[in-house]
């Protein structure tokens, strides 16, 4: 009879939060920009093809996690902070993101909360991430070099990443111990199963940086919906529209005609993602997105949030 016991290197959450707050304060001073459940599912041929395309693209954009770890998610209540925009625009953008998250049944914190999602507008987002990688590596938590390379591999208009923390079943925090004088975090929760894992992975902080100049011409709604997707799920951008479903993730693709907001594909992805088991790995997104598309979750949420925020 085998047991699962996980020991991982220690990466302090406080270091990440402190570094991010310092960066927020610096960036904010650099200027601002002047938006029926029980019915049987009947699928026709076209709808079935769209569902399969949704599933394939969902799988392709999901970032695989190191060592086969579960997909990271926001499990704790969420608090949003927008910086680098004029106050009025910041509030509209944050309100739109909150509306999206309520549609996913995520819990939000109230006024005066400590941020878990930061959305910023800076003069050069790509250069900012490159500089942070050298000068403030704590900003990236325990992300590995190849994962930070993936952050920089997208468009220069936006960069998104997250810090994560391994936890035991149900979100139990790891104990702290020392091995050979080195601090480590230890999962002391015993668990025996061939079906479920012994850990889940929490997003303890997400950040989305927009390049001011390169994001010009996009509406507050588009920016808020794009930031919602990138902050909530470990996904990469869609670099073109050819042979792909319409998605807000093409917001900065060359020559694209971007969607006005989150599309049926986007909602199918996010709905499926936040219904997954906490032990689900990246490959699970194929079927999760397909189910959400076929049961109408994506379409329903797209219709519910179709009214644009102030542009």
C-alpha atoms as a PDB file:
ATOM      1  CA  UNK A   1       0.000   0.000   0.000  1.00  0.00           C
ATOM      2  CA  UNK A   2       1.558   3.231  -1.153  1.00  0.00           C
ATOM      3  CA  UNK A   3       1.091   6.706   0.185  1.00  0.00           C
ATOM      4  CA  UNK A   4       1.636  10.105  -1.363  1.00  0.00           C
ATOM      5  CA  UNK A   5       3.790  12.544   0.549  1.00  0.00           C
ATOM      6  CA  UNK A   6       4.978  15.656  -1.200  1.00  0.00           C
ATOM      7  CA  UNK A   7       7.990  17.774  -0.254  1.00  0.00           C
ATOM      8  CA  UNK A   8       8.621  20.921  -2.255  1.00  0.00           C
ATOM      9  CA  UNK A   9      11.061  23.815  -2.033  1.00  0.00           C
ATOM     10  CA  UNK A  10       9.954  26.815  -0.055  1.00  0.00           C
ATOM     11  CA  UNK A  11       8.891  29.948  -1.934  1.00  0.00           C
ATOM     12  CA  UNK A  12       7.497  32.596   0.375  1.00  0.00           C
ATOM     13  CA  UNK A  13       4.135  34.081  -0.536  1.00  0.00           C
ATOM     14  CA  UNK A  14       5.049  37.208   1.396  1.00  0.00           C
ATOM     15  CA  UNK A  15       8.060  37.820  -0.858  1.00  0.00           C
ATOM     16  CA  UNK A  16       5.844  37.702  -3.936  1.00  0.00           C
ATOM     17  CA  UNK A  17       3.226  40.036  -2.471  1.00  0.00           C
ATOM     18  CA  UNK A  18       5.843  42.513  -1.223  1.00  0.00           C
ATOM     19  CA  UNK A  19       7.592  42.624  -4.593  1.00  0.00           C
ATOM     20  CA  UNK A  20       4.321  43.060  -6.445  1.00  0.00           C
ATOM     21  CA  UNK A  21       3.138  45.875  -4.224  1.00  0.00           C
ATOM     22  CA  UNK A  22       6.449  47.667  -4.720  1.00  0.00           C
ATOM     23  CA  UNK A  23       6.123  47.289  -8.473  1.00  0.00           C
ATOM     24  CA  UNK A  24       2.509  48.511  -8.367  1.00  0.00           C
ATOM     25  CA  UNK A  25       3.461  51.670  -6.528  1.00  0.00           C
ATOM     26  CA  UNK A  26       6.296  52.360  -8.971  1.00  0.00           C
ATOM     27  CA  UNK A  27       4.195  51.754 -12.071  1.00  0.00           C
ATOM     28  CA  UNK A  28       1.256  53.799 -10.852  1.00  0.00           C
ATOM     29  CA  UNK A  29       3.485  56.849 -10.801  1.00  0.00           C
ATOM     30  CA  UNK A  30       4.529  56.548 -14.455  1.00  0.00           C
ATOM     31  CA  UNK A  31       1.385  58.074 -15.944  1.00  0.00           C
ATOM     32  CA  UNK A  32      -2.067  56.908 -17.047  1.00  0.00           C
ATOM     33  CA  UNK A  33      -4.255  56.485 -20.071  1.00  0.00           C
ATOM     34  CA  UNK A  34      -6.796  59.432 -20.688  1.00  0.00           C
ATOM     35  CA  UNK A  35     -14.362  49.409 -20.734  1.00  0.00           C
ATOM     36  CA  UNK A  36     -33.250  25.320 -18.955  1.00  0.00           C
ATOM     37  CA  UNK A  37     -30.852  23.060 -16.948  1.00  0.00           C
ATOM     38  CA  UNK A  38     -32.825  19.801 -17.254  1.00  0.00           C
ATOM     39  CA  UNK A  39     -33.484  19.938 -20.976  1.00  0.00           C
ATOM     40  CA  UNK A  40     -31.854  17.181 -23.035  1.00  0.00           C
ATOM     41  CA  UNK A  41     -28.869  18.259 -25.127  1.00  0.00           C
ATOM     42  CA  UNK A  42     -29.622  17.912 -28.822  1.00  0.00           C
ATOM     43  CA  UNK A  43     -26.575  18.358 -31.046  1.00  0.00           C
ATOM     44  CA  UNK A  44     -26.744  18.840 -34.803  1.00  0.00           C
ATOM     45  CA  UNK A  45     -23.811  18.262 -37.122  1.00  0.00           C
ATOM     46  CA  UNK A  46     -22.593  21.852 -37.206  1.00  0.00           C
ATOM     47  CA  UNK A  47     -22.832  22.199 -33.448  1.00  0.00           C
ATOM     48  CA  UNK A  48     -20.905  18.975 -32.961  1.00  0.00           C
ATOM     49  CA  UNK A  49     -18.111  20.240 -35.223  1.00  0.00           C
ATOM     50  CA  UNK A  50     -17.992  23.549 -33.317  1.00  0.00           C
ATOM     51  CA  UNK A  51     -17.810  21.656 -30.039  1.00  0.00           C
ATOM     52  CA  UNK A  52     -14.884  19.583 -31.246  1.00  0.00           C
ATOM     53  CA  UNK A  53     -13.069  22.698 -32.482  1.00  0.00           C
ATOM     54  CA  UNK A  54     -13.707  24.361 -29.113  1.00  0.00           C
ATOM     55  CA  UNK A  55     -12.244  21.349 -27.332  1.00  0.00           C
ATOM     56  CA  UNK A  56      -9.153  21.146 -29.549  1.00  0.00           C
ATOM     57  CA  UNK A  57      -8.351  24.848 -29.238  1.00  0.00           C
ATOM     58  CA  UNK A  58      -9.002  24.814 -25.488  1.00  0.00           C
ATOM     59  CA  UNK A  59      -6.466  22.038 -25.094  1.00  0.00           C
ATOM     60  CA  UNK A  60      -3.917  23.808 -27.313  1.00  0.00           C
ATOM     61  CA  UNK A  61      -3.968  27.110 -25.389  1.00  0.00           C
ATOM     62  CA  UNK A  62      -3.777  25.547 -21.912  1.00  0.00           C
ATOM     63  CA  UNK A  63      -0.284  25.821 -20.469  1.00  0.00           C
ATOM     64  CA  UNK A  64       1.038  22.508 -19.229  1.00  0.00           C
ATOM     65  CA  UNK A  65       2.268  22.559 -15.661  1.00  0.00           C
ATOM     66  CA  UNK A  66       5.626  21.212 -14.463  1.00  0.00           C
ATOM     67  CA  UNK A  67       5.877  17.586 -13.337  1.00  0.00           C
ATOM     68  CA  UNK A  68       2.270  16.864 -14.246  1.00  0.00           C
ATOM     69  CA  UNK A  69       0.909  19.067 -11.474  1.00  0.00           C
ATOM     70  CA  UNK A  70      -2.784  20.026 -11.405  1.00  0.00           C
ATOM     71  CA  UNK A  71      -3.946  23.168 -13.155  1.00  0.00           C
ATOM     72  CA  UNK A  72      -3.632  26.243 -10.898  1.00  0.00           C
ATOM     73  CA  UNK A  73      -6.777  28.185 -10.082  1.00  0.00           C
ATOM     74  CA  UNK A  74      -8.072  30.947  -7.851  1.00  0.00           C
ATOM     75  CA  UNK A  75      -9.737  29.115  -4.972  1.00  0.00           C
ATOM     76  CA  UNK A  76      -9.767  31.923  -2.400  1.00  0.00           C
ATOM     77  CA  UNK A  77     -11.985  35.037  -2.709  1.00  0.00           C
ATOM     78  CA  UNK A  78     -10.707  37.466  -5.328  1.00  0.00           C
ATOM     79  CA  UNK A  79      -9.726  41.129  -5.024  1.00  0.00           C
ATOM     80  CA  UNK A  80      -8.900  43.192  -8.129  1.00  0.00           C
ATOM     81  CA  UNK A  81      -6.527  46.155  -8.327  1.00  0.00           C
ATOM     82  CA  UNK A  82      -6.130  48.238 -11.502  1.00  0.00           C
ATOM     83  CA  UNK A  83      -3.238  50.681 -11.788  1.00  0.00           C
ATOM     84  CA  UNK A  84      -1.835  52.974 -14.466  1.00  0.00           C
ATOM     85  CA  UNK A  85      -5.300  54.172 -15.594  1.00  0.00           C
ATOM     86  CA  UNK A  86      -7.302  57.222 -14.626  1.00  0.00           C
ATOM     87  CA  UNK A  87      -9.510  56.399 -11.632  1.00  0.00           C
ATOM     88  CA  UNK A  88     -12.817  56.471 -13.519  1.00  0.00           C
ATOM     89  CA  UNK A  89     -11.562  54.084 -16.193  1.00  0.00           C
ATOM     90  CA  UNK A  90      -9.994  51.844 -13.562  1.00  0.00           C
ATOM     91  CA  UNK A  91     -13.304  51.431 -11.768  1.00  0.00           C
ATOM     92  CA  UNK A  92     -15.203  50.622 -14.963  1.00  0.00           C
ATOM     93  CA  UNK A  93     -12.609  48.023 -15.946  1.00  0.00           C
ATOM     94  CA  UNK A  94     -12.570  46.429 -12.491  1.00  0.00           C
ATOM     95  CA  UNK A  95     -16.376  46.376 -12.332  1.00  0.00           C
ATOM     96  CA  UNK A  96     -16.539  44.573 -15.657  1.00  0.00           C
ATOM     97  CA  UNK A  97     -14.054  41.969 -14.421  1.00  0.00           C
ATOM     98  CA  UNK A  98     -16.089  41.482 -11.252  1.00  0.00           C
ATOM     99  CA  UNK A  99     -19.232  40.977 -13.329  1.00  0.00           C
ATOM    100  CA  UNK A 100     -17.455  38.287 -15.326  1.00  0.00           C
ATOM    101  CA  UNK A 101     -16.270  36.545 -12.176  1.00  0.00           C
ATOM    102  CA  UNK A 102     -19.712  36.588 -10.600  1.00  0.00           C
ATOM    103  CA  UNK A 103     -21.000  34.868 -13.735  1.00  0.00           C
ATOM    104  CA  UNK A 104     -18.521  32.081 -12.951  1.00  0.00           C
ATOM    105  CA  UNK A 105     -19.769  31.925  -9.351  1.00  0.00           C
ATOM    106  CA  UNK A 106     -16.397  33.066  -8.006  1.00  0.00           C
ATOM    107  CA  UNK A 107     -16.311  34.825  -4.645  1.00  0.00           C
ATOM    108  CA  UNK A 108     -15.183  38.463  -4.543  1.00  0.00           C
ATOM    109  CA  UNK A 109     -13.850  40.471  -1.635  1.00  0.00           C
ATOM    110  CA  UNK A 110     -15.191  43.901  -0.715  1.00  0.00           C
ATOM    111  CA  UNK A 111     -13.705  47.379  -0.440  1.00  0.00           C
ATOM    112  CA  UNK A 112     -10.295  47.691   1.140  1.00  0.00           C
ATOM    113  CA  UNK A 113      -9.342  44.105   0.346  1.00  0.00           C
ATOM    114  CA  UNK A 114      -5.808  42.894  -0.316  1.00  0.00           C
ATOM    115  CA  UNK A 115      -5.427  42.371  -4.095  1.00  0.00           C
ATOM    116  CA  UNK A 116      -5.030  38.918  -5.598  1.00  0.00           C
ATOM    117  CA  UNK A 117      -5.335  40.079  -9.220  1.00  0.00           C
ATOM    118  CA  UNK A 118      -3.419  43.101 -10.529  1.00  0.00           C
ATOM    119  CA  UNK A 119      -4.102  44.694 -13.913  1.00  0.00           C
ATOM    120  CA  UNK A 120      -1.634  47.384 -14.916  1.00  0.00           C
ATOM    121  CA  UNK A 121      -0.927  49.760 -17.788  1.00  0.00           C
ATOM    122  CA  UNK A 122       2.757  50.571 -18.306  1.00  0.00           C
ATOM    123  CA  UNK A 123       4.848  52.275 -20.964  1.00  0.00           C
ATOM    124  CA  UNK A 124       6.498  49.049 -22.174  1.00  0.00           C
ATOM    125  CA  UNK A 125       5.049  45.818 -20.776  1.00  0.00           C
ATOM    126  CA  UNK A 126       7.565  43.522 -22.473  1.00  0.00           C
ATOM    127  CA  UNK A 127      10.548  45.509 -21.201  1.00  0.00           C
ATOM    128  CA  UNK A 128       8.985  45.716 -17.735  1.00  0.00           C
ATOM    129  CA  UNK A 129       8.737  41.919 -17.471  1.00  0.00           C
ATOM    130  CA  UNK A 130      12.274  41.466 -18.788  1.00  0.00           C
ATOM    131  CA  UNK A 131      13.573  43.905 -16.172  1.00  0.00           C
ATOM    132  CA  UNK A 132      11.562  42.323 -13.368  1.00  0.00           C
ATOM    133  CA  UNK A 133      12.933  38.916 -14.277  1.00  0.00           C
ATOM    134  CA  UNK A 134      16.432  40.152 -13.472  1.00  0.00           C
ATOM    135  CA  UNK A 135      15.840  42.642 -10.700  1.00  0.00           C
ATOM    136  CA  UNK A 136      12.802  41.199  -8.857  1.00  0.00           C
ATOM    137  CA  UNK A 137      12.596  37.451  -9.500  1.00  0.00           C
ATOM    138  CA  UNK A 138      10.286  37.121  -6.472  1.00  0.00           C
ATOM    139  CA  UNK A 139       7.610  38.639  -8.715  1.00  0.00           C
ATOM    140  CA  UNK A 140       7.355  35.307 -10.519  1.00  0.00           C
ATOM    141  CA  UNK A 141       7.027  33.118  -7.450  1.00  0.00           C
ATOM    142  CA  UNK A 142       8.252  29.616  -8.235  1.00  0.00           C
ATOM    143  CA  UNK A 143       7.736  29.836 -12.010  1.00  0.00           C
ATOM    144  CA  UNK A 144      10.561  28.123 -13.852  1.00  0.00           C
ATOM    145  CA  UNK A 145      12.682  29.774 -16.528  1.00  0.00           C
ATOM    146  CA  UNK A 146      10.799  28.160 -19.392  1.00  0.00           C
ATOM    147  CA  UNK A 147       7.502  29.338 -17.891  1.00  0.00           C
ATOM    148  CA  UNK A 148       8.747  32.932 -17.769  1.00  0.00           C
ATOM    149  CA  UNK A 149       9.938  32.498 -21.359  1.00  0.00           C
ATOM    150  CA  UNK A 150       6.328  31.640 -22.224  1.00  0.00           C
ATOM    151  CA  UNK A 151       5.177  34.897 -20.615  1.00  0.00           C
ATOM    152  CA  UNK A 152       7.465  36.833 -22.962  1.00  0.00           C
ATOM    153  CA  UNK A 153       6.654  34.732 -26.028  1.00  0.00           C
ATOM    154  CA  UNK A 154       3.277  36.355 -26.690  1.00  0.00           C
ATOM    155  CA  UNK A 155       2.516  39.744 -28.160  1.00  0.00           C
ATOM    156  CA  UNK A 156       4.339  42.759 -26.777  1.00  0.00           C
ATOM    157  CA  UNK A 157       1.000  44.383 -26.087  1.00  0.00           C
ATOM    158  CA  UNK A 158       0.271  42.315 -22.999  1.00  0.00           C
ATOM    159  CA  UNK A 159       2.072  40.003 -20.573  1.00  0.00           C
ATOM    160  CA  UNK A 160       0.318  37.792 -18.027  1.00  0.00           C
ATOM    161  CA  UNK A 161       1.520  35.424 -15.345  1.00  0.00           C
ATOM    162  CA  UNK A 162       0.737  34.185 -11.866  1.00  0.00           C
ATOM    163  CA  UNK A 163       2.343  33.018  -8.657  1.00  0.00           C
ATOM    164  CA  UNK A 164       1.181  29.678  -7.313  1.00  0.00           C
ATOM    165  CA  UNK A 165       1.301  27.662  -4.134  1.00  0.00           C
ATOM    166  CA  UNK A 166       0.960  23.917  -3.663  1.00  0.00           C
ATOM    167  CA  UNK A 167      -1.554  22.914  -1.008  1.00  0.00           C
ATOM    168  CA  UNK A 168      -2.941  19.695   0.367  1.00  0.00           C
ATOM    169  CA  UNK A 169      -6.384  18.264  -0.310  1.00  0.00           C
ATOM    170  CA  UNK A 170      -9.118  20.818   0.165  1.00  0.00           C
ATOM    171  CA  UNK A 171      -6.617  23.659   0.409  1.00  0.00           C
ATOM    172  CA  UNK A 172      -4.805  22.586   3.549  1.00  0.00           C
ATOM    173  CA  UNK A 173      -1.564  24.549   3.863  1.00  0.00           C
ATOM    174  CA  UNK A 174       1.705  22.654   3.895  1.00  0.00           C
ATOM    175  CA  UNK A 175       3.689  22.549   7.110  1.00  0.00           C
ATOM    176  CA  UNK A 176       7.077  24.212   7.263  1.00  0.00           C
ATOM    177  CA  UNK A 177      10.088  22.134   8.207  1.00  0.00           C
ATOM    178  CA  UNK A 178      13.849  22.082   7.755  1.00  0.00           C
ATOM    179  CA  UNK A 179      15.890  19.445   5.990  1.00  0.00           C
ATOM    180  CA  UNK A 180      19.639  19.828   6.235  1.00  0.00           C
ATOM    181  CA  UNK A 181      19.176  23.373   7.447  1.00  0.00           C
ATOM    182  CA  UNK A 182      17.132  24.282   4.346  1.00  0.00           C
ATOM    183  CA  UNK A 183      13.523  25.450   4.779  1.00  0.00           C
ATOM    184  CA  UNK A 184      10.992  23.297   2.940  1.00  0.00           C
ATOM    185  CA  UNK A 185       7.232  22.971   2.812  1.00  0.00           C
ATOM    186  CA  UNK A 186       5.890  19.502   3.599  1.00  0.00           C
ATOM    187  CA  UNK A 187       2.528  17.970   2.788  1.00  0.00           C
ATOM    188  CA  UNK A 188       1.830  15.831   5.843  1.00  0.00           C
ATOM    189  CA  UNK A 189      -1.668  14.890   4.752  1.00  0.00           C
ATOM    190  CA  UNK A 190      -1.752  11.191   3.973  1.00  0.00           C
ATOM    191  CA  UNK A 191      -3.814  10.169   0.981  1.00  0.00           C
ATOM    192  CA  UNK A 192      -4.117   6.862  -0.846  1.00  0.00           C
ATOM    193  CA  UNK A 193      -5.737   6.904  -4.292  1.00  0.00           C
ATOM    194  CA  UNK A 194      -5.052   5.953  -7.871  1.00  0.00           C
ATOM    195  CA  UNK A 195      -7.705   8.400  -9.088  1.00  0.00           C
ATOM    196  CA  UNK A 196      -7.117  11.708  -7.299  1.00  0.00           C
ATOM    197  CA  UNK A 197      -3.896  13.444  -6.381  1.00  0.00           C
ATOM    198  CA  UNK A 198      -2.603  14.550  -3.023  1.00  0.00           C
ATOM    199  CA  UNK A 199      -2.169  18.242  -3.864  1.00  0.00           C
ATOM    200  CA  UNK A 200      -3.962  21.107  -5.520  1.00  0.00           C
ATOM    201  CA  UNK A 201      -2.302  24.272  -6.864  1.00  0.00           C
ATOM    202  CA  UNK A 202      -3.613  27.706  -5.867  1.00  0.00           C
ATOM    203  CA  UNK A 203      -3.094  30.898  -7.798  1.00  0.00           C
ATOM    204  CA  UNK A 204      -2.078  33.244  -4.993  1.00  0.00           C
ATOM    205  CA  UNK A 205      -1.653  36.222  -7.315  1.00  0.00           C
ATOM    206  CA  UNK A 206      -2.230  36.969 -11.005  1.00  0.00           C
ATOM    207  CA  UNK A 207      -0.912  39.949 -12.919  1.00  0.00           C
ATOM    208  CA  UNK A 208      -1.782  41.229 -16.378  1.00  0.00           C
ATOM    209  CA  UNK A 209       0.299  44.083 -17.808  1.00  0.00           C
ATOM    210  CA  UNK A 210      -0.851  46.079 -20.832  1.00  0.00           C
ATOM    211  CA  UNK A 211       1.388  48.226 -22.972  1.00  0.00           C
ATOM    212  CA  UNK A 212      -0.272  51.656 -23.056  1.00  0.00           C
ATOM    213  CA  UNK A 213       0.641  52.510 -26.614  1.00  0.00           C
ATOM    214  CA  UNK A 214      -0.081  49.064 -28.091  1.00  0.00           C
ATOM    215  CA  UNK A 215      -3.409  48.711 -26.282  1.00  0.00           C
ATOM    216  CA  UNK A 216      -4.702  52.020 -27.641  1.00  0.00           C
ATOM    217  CA  UNK A 217      -7.879  51.667 -29.684  1.00  0.00           C
ATOM    218  CA  UNK A 218      -9.263  48.803 -27.583  1.00  0.00           C
ATOM    219  CA  UNK A 219     -12.360  49.403 -25.478  1.00  0.00           C
ATOM    220  CA  UNK A 220     -12.474  49.118 -21.707  1.00  0.00           C
ATOM    221  CA  UNK A 221     -14.765  46.116 -22.143  1.00  0.00           C
ATOM    222  CA  UNK A 222     -12.296  44.345 -24.431  1.00  0.00           C
ATOM    223  CA  UNK A 223      -9.391  45.009 -22.071  1.00  0.00           C
ATOM    224  CA  UNK A 224     -11.398  43.916 -19.021  1.00  0.00           C
ATOM    225  CA  UNK A 225     -12.600  40.707 -20.675  1.00  0.00           C
ATOM    226  CA  UNK A 226      -9.118  39.874 -21.951  1.00  0.00           C
ATOM    227  CA  UNK A 227      -7.665  40.512 -18.479  1.00  0.00           C
ATOM    228  CA  UNK A 228     -10.361  38.319 -16.936  1.00  0.00           C
ATOM    229  CA  UNK A 229      -9.414  35.348 -19.111  1.00  0.00           C
ATOM    230  CA  UNK A 230      -5.649  35.752 -18.672  1.00  0.00           C
ATOM    231  CA  UNK A 231      -5.898  36.313 -14.894  1.00  0.00           C
ATOM    232  CA  UNK A 232      -8.186  33.373 -14.167  1.00  0.00           C
ATOM    233  CA  UNK A 233      -6.657  30.604 -16.272  1.00  0.00           C
ATOM    234  CA  UNK A 234      -3.163  29.485 -17.354  1.00  0.00           C
ATOM    235  CA  UNK A 235      -3.608  30.141 -21.068  1.00  0.00           C
ATOM    236  CA  UNK A 236      -1.629  31.688 -23.898  1.00  0.00           C
ATOM    237  CA  UNK A 237      -2.852  34.147 -26.494  1.00  0.00           C
ATOM    238  CA  UNK A 238      -4.327  33.101 -29.807  1.00  0.00           C
ATOM    239  CA  UNK A 239      -1.977  34.561 -32.414  1.00  0.00           C
ATOM    240  CA  UNK A 240      -4.427  34.498 -35.324  1.00  0.00           C
ATOM    241  CA  UNK A 241      -8.104  33.973 -36.133  1.00  0.00           C
ATOM    242  CA  UNK A 242      -7.647  31.428 -38.928  1.00  0.00           C
ATOM    243  CA  UNK A 243      -9.307  28.093 -38.162  1.00  0.00           C
ATOM    244  CA  UNK A 244      -9.951  29.166 -34.558  1.00  0.00           C
ATOM    245  CA  UNK A 245     -13.202  30.062 -32.781  1.00  0.00           C
ATOM    246  CA  UNK A 246     -13.791  33.740 -32.201  1.00  0.00           C
ATOM    247  CA  UNK A 247     -12.102  34.674 -28.922  1.00  0.00           C
ATOM    248  CA  UNK A 248     -11.068  37.703 -26.916  1.00  0.00           C
ATOM    249  CA  UNK A 249      -7.616  36.080 -26.815  1.00  0.00           C
ATOM    250  CA  UNK A 250      -7.028  37.393 -30.357  1.00  0.00           C
ATOM    251  CA  UNK A 251      -7.296  40.971 -29.053  1.00  0.00           C
ATOM    252  CA  UNK A 252      -3.686  41.698 -30.011  1.00  0.00           C
ATOM    253  CA  UNK A 253      -3.266  39.294 -32.917  1.00  0.00           C
ATOM    254  CA  UNK A 254      -1.881  40.866 -36.096  1.00  0.00           C
ATOM    255  CA  UNK A 255      -4.605  41.750 -38.589  1.00  0.00           C
ATOM    256  CA  UNK A 256      -7.414  40.450 -36.388  1.00  0.00           C
ATOM    257  CA  UNK A 257     -10.913  41.802 -35.994  1.00  0.00           C
ATOM    258  CA  UNK A 258     -11.162  41.186 -32.250  1.00  0.00           C
ATOM    259  CA  UNK A 259     -14.377  40.281 -30.502  1.00  0.00           C
ATOM    260  CA  UNK A 260     -16.228  42.946 -28.545  1.00  0.00           C
ATOM    261  CA  UNK A 261     -15.822  40.858 -25.395  1.00  0.00           C
ATOM    262  CA  UNK A 262     -15.751  37.321 -24.079  1.00  0.00           C
ATOM    263  CA  UNK A 263     -17.214  34.970 -26.679  1.00  0.00           C
ATOM    264  CA  UNK A 264     -19.035  31.649 -26.441  1.00  0.00           C
ATOM    265  CA  UNK A 265     -15.690  29.879 -26.809  1.00  0.00           C
ATOM    266  CA  UNK A 266     -14.176  31.954 -23.989  1.00  0.00           C
ATOM    267  CA  UNK A 267     -17.090  31.311 -21.651  1.00  0.00           C
ATOM    268  CA  UNK A 268     -17.093  27.614 -22.515  1.00  0.00           C
ATOM    269  CA  UNK A 269     -13.426  27.469 -21.560  1.00  0.00           C
ATOM    270  CA  UNK A 270     -13.781  29.388 -18.300  1.00  0.00           C
ATOM    271  CA  UNK A 271     -16.992  27.604 -17.292  1.00  0.00           C
ATOM    272  CA  UNK A 272     -15.433  24.222 -17.929  1.00  0.00           C
ATOM    273  CA  UNK A 273     -12.185  25.231 -16.240  1.00  0.00           C
ATOM    274  CA  UNK A 274     -13.826  26.252 -12.972  1.00  0.00           C
ATOM    275  CA  UNK A 275     -15.907  23.064 -12.861  1.00  0.00           C
ATOM    276  CA  UNK A 276     -12.866  20.802 -13.082  1.00  0.00           C
ATOM    277  CA  UNK A 277     -11.667  18.692 -10.191  1.00  0.00           C
ATOM    278  CA  UNK A 278      -8.940  20.450  -8.217  1.00  0.00           C
ATOM    279  CA  UNK A 279      -6.634  17.604  -9.250  1.00  0.00           C
ATOM    280  CA  UNK A 280      -7.278  17.978 -13.013  1.00  0.00           C
ATOM    281  CA  UNK A 281      -4.290  18.341 -15.332  1.00  0.00           C
ATOM    282  CA  UNK A 282      -3.991  20.335 -18.564  1.00  0.00           C
ATOM    283  CA  UNK A 283      -5.233  17.502 -20.770  1.00  0.00           C
ATOM    284  CA  UNK A 284      -8.588  17.646 -18.951  1.00  0.00           C
ATOM    285  CA  UNK A 285      -9.474  20.941 -20.632  1.00  0.00           C
ATOM    286  CA  UNK A 286     -10.372  19.228 -23.915  1.00  0.00           C
ATOM    287  CA  UNK A 287     -13.418  17.473 -22.503  1.00  0.00           C
ATOM    288  CA  UNK A 288     -14.250  20.200 -19.978  1.00  0.00           C
ATOM    289  CA  UNK A 289     -14.584  22.896 -22.653  1.00  0.00           C
ATOM    290  CA  UNK A 290     -16.493  20.549 -24.939  1.00  0.00           C
ATOM    291  CA  UNK A 291     -19.038  19.723 -22.227  1.00  0.00           C
ATOM    292  CA  UNK A 292     -19.541  23.399 -21.389  1.00  0.00           C
ATOM    293  CA  UNK A 293     -20.047  24.217 -25.057  1.00  0.00           C
ATOM    294  CA  UNK A 294     -22.549  21.423 -25.623  1.00  0.00           C
ATOM    295  CA  UNK A 295     -24.603  22.064 -22.482  1.00  0.00           C
ATOM    296  CA  UNK A 296     -24.923  25.731 -23.441  1.00  0.00           C
ATOM    297  CA  UNK A 297     -22.950  27.153 -20.502  1.00  0.00           C
ATOM    298  CA  UNK A 298     -20.782  29.259 -22.793  1.00  0.00           C
ATOM    299  CA  UNK A 299     -23.672  30.555 -24.847  1.00  0.00           C
ATOM    300  CA  UNK A 300     -25.762  31.409 -21.793  1.00  0.00           C
ATOM    301  CA  UNK A 301     -23.005  33.346 -20.065  1.00  0.00           C
ATOM    302  CA  UNK A 302     -22.110  35.138 -23.294  1.00  0.00           C
ATOM    303  CA  UNK A 303     -25.694  36.342 -23.568  1.00  0.00           C
ATOM    304  CA  UNK A 304     -25.874  37.315 -19.892  1.00  0.00           C
ATOM    305  CA  UNK A 305     -22.783  39.526 -20.133  1.00  0.00           C
ATOM    306  CA  UNK A 306     -23.295  40.818 -23.664  1.00  0.00           C
ATOM    307  CA  UNK A 307     -24.264  44.326 -22.528  1.00  0.00           C
ATOM    308  CA  UNK A 308     -20.971  46.259 -22.762  1.00  0.00           C
ATOM    309  CA  UNK A 309     -19.411  48.170 -19.949  1.00  0.00           C
ATOM    310  CA  UNK A 310     -18.857  51.862 -20.523  1.00  0.00           C
ATOM    311  CA  UNK A 311     -16.475  52.080 -23.466  1.00  0.00           C
END
